[in-house]
C-alpha cells in the first residue's frame, strides 16, 4: 500500500505543477488583445514573440557591427 500512496502523492504533485504551468500559459495567451484572422491566440502570441526575438537579434548584430 505504501507504493500506491507514493504513486498517488507523485501524481498529485505533478498535477499541481501542470496546473500552475497552465495558469502561466493562460496569462501569456490572454495578453494577446487581438489575434490575427485565422490564427489561434497561441499562434498570434508565438508570432509576436518570434518577431520580437528577431528584432532583438537584428539589433544586437547591428550594434556589434557598428559599435559606438
Protein backbone atom coordinates (compact mmCIF):
# COMPACT_ATOMS: atom_id res chain seq x y z
CA UNK A 1 0.00 0.00 0.00
CA UNK A 2 2.94 2.35 0.64
CA UNK A 3 3.91 2.17 -3.04
CA UNK A 4 0.38 3.16 -4.02
CA UNK A 5 0.45 6.12 -1.63
CA UNK A 6 3.80 7.28 -3.02
CA UNK A 7 2.47 7.00 -6.57
CA UNK A 8 -0.64 8.97 -5.66
CA UNK A 9 1.48 11.65 -3.97
CA UNK A 10 3.79 11.92 -7.01
CA UNK A 11 0.78 12.21 -9.31
CA UNK A 12 -0.79 14.89 -7.12
CA UNK A 13 2.45 16.88 -7.13
CA UNK A 14 2.75 16.56 -10.91
CA UNK A 15 -0.89 17.60 -11.33
CA UNK A 16 -0.28 20.72 -9.22
CA UNK A 17 2.83 21.58 -11.27
CA UNK A 18 0.89 21.21 -14.54
CA UNK A 19 -1.97 23.35 -13.24
CA UNK A 20 0.49 26.10 -12.31
CA UNK A 21 2.02 25.98 -15.79
CA UNK A 22 -1.45 26.10 -17.32
CA UNK A 23 -2.21 29.29 -15.38
CA UNK A 24 1.02 30.87 -16.65
CA UNK A 25 0.24 29.89 -20.23
CA UNK A 26 -3.28 31.30 -19.94
CA UNK A 27 -1.90 34.59 -18.61
CA UNK A 28 0.51 34.80 -21.54
CA UNK A 29 -2.11 33.97 -24.15
CA UNK A 30 -4.65 36.44 -22.84
CA UNK A 31 -2.11 39.25 -23.15
CA UNK A 32 -2.88 38.96 -26.87
CA UNK A 33 -5.59 41.60 -27.14
CA UNK A 34 -6.43 40.90 -30.76
CA UNK A 35 -5.50 37.74 -32.55
CA UNK A 36 -4.89 37.68 -36.26
CA UNK A 37 -7.61 36.26 -38.51
CA UNK A 38 -7.37 32.51 -38.98
CA UNK A 39 -4.95 32.20 -36.04
CA UNK A 40 -5.42 31.00 -32.51
CA UNK A 41 -4.28 33.19 -29.64
CA UNK A 42 -1.40 30.76 -29.24
CA UNK A 43 -0.32 31.21 -32.87
CA UNK A 44 -0.55 35.01 -32.61
CA UNK A 45 1.38 35.07 -29.31
CA UNK A 46 4.04 32.80 -30.80
CA UNK A 47 4.34 35.06 -33.85
CA UNK A 48 4.68 38.16 -31.63
CA UNK A 49 7.40 36.51 -29.57
CA UNK A 50 9.30 35.34 -32.66
CA UNK A 51 9.08 38.81 -34.24
CA UNK A 52 10.34 40.47 -31.06
CA UNK A 53 13.20 37.97 -30.77
CA UNK A 54 14.15 38.56 -34.40
CA UNK A 55 14.17 42.35 -33.92
CA UNK A 56 16.31 41.96 -30.80
CA UNK A 57 18.71 39.67 -32.65
CA UNK A 58 18.95 42.09 -35.59
CA UNK A 59 19.59 44.98 -33.20
CA UNK A 60 22.29 43.03 -31.42
CA UNK A 61 24.02 42.16 -34.70
CA UNK A 62 23.79 45.77 -35.92
CA UNK A 63 25.25 47.03 -32.65
CA UNK A 64 28.16 44.56 -32.89
CA UNK A 65 28.86 45.62 -36.47
CA UNK A 66 28.70 49.35 -35.66
CA UNK A 67 29.89 49.86 -32.07
CA UNK A 68 29.81 53.43 -30.79
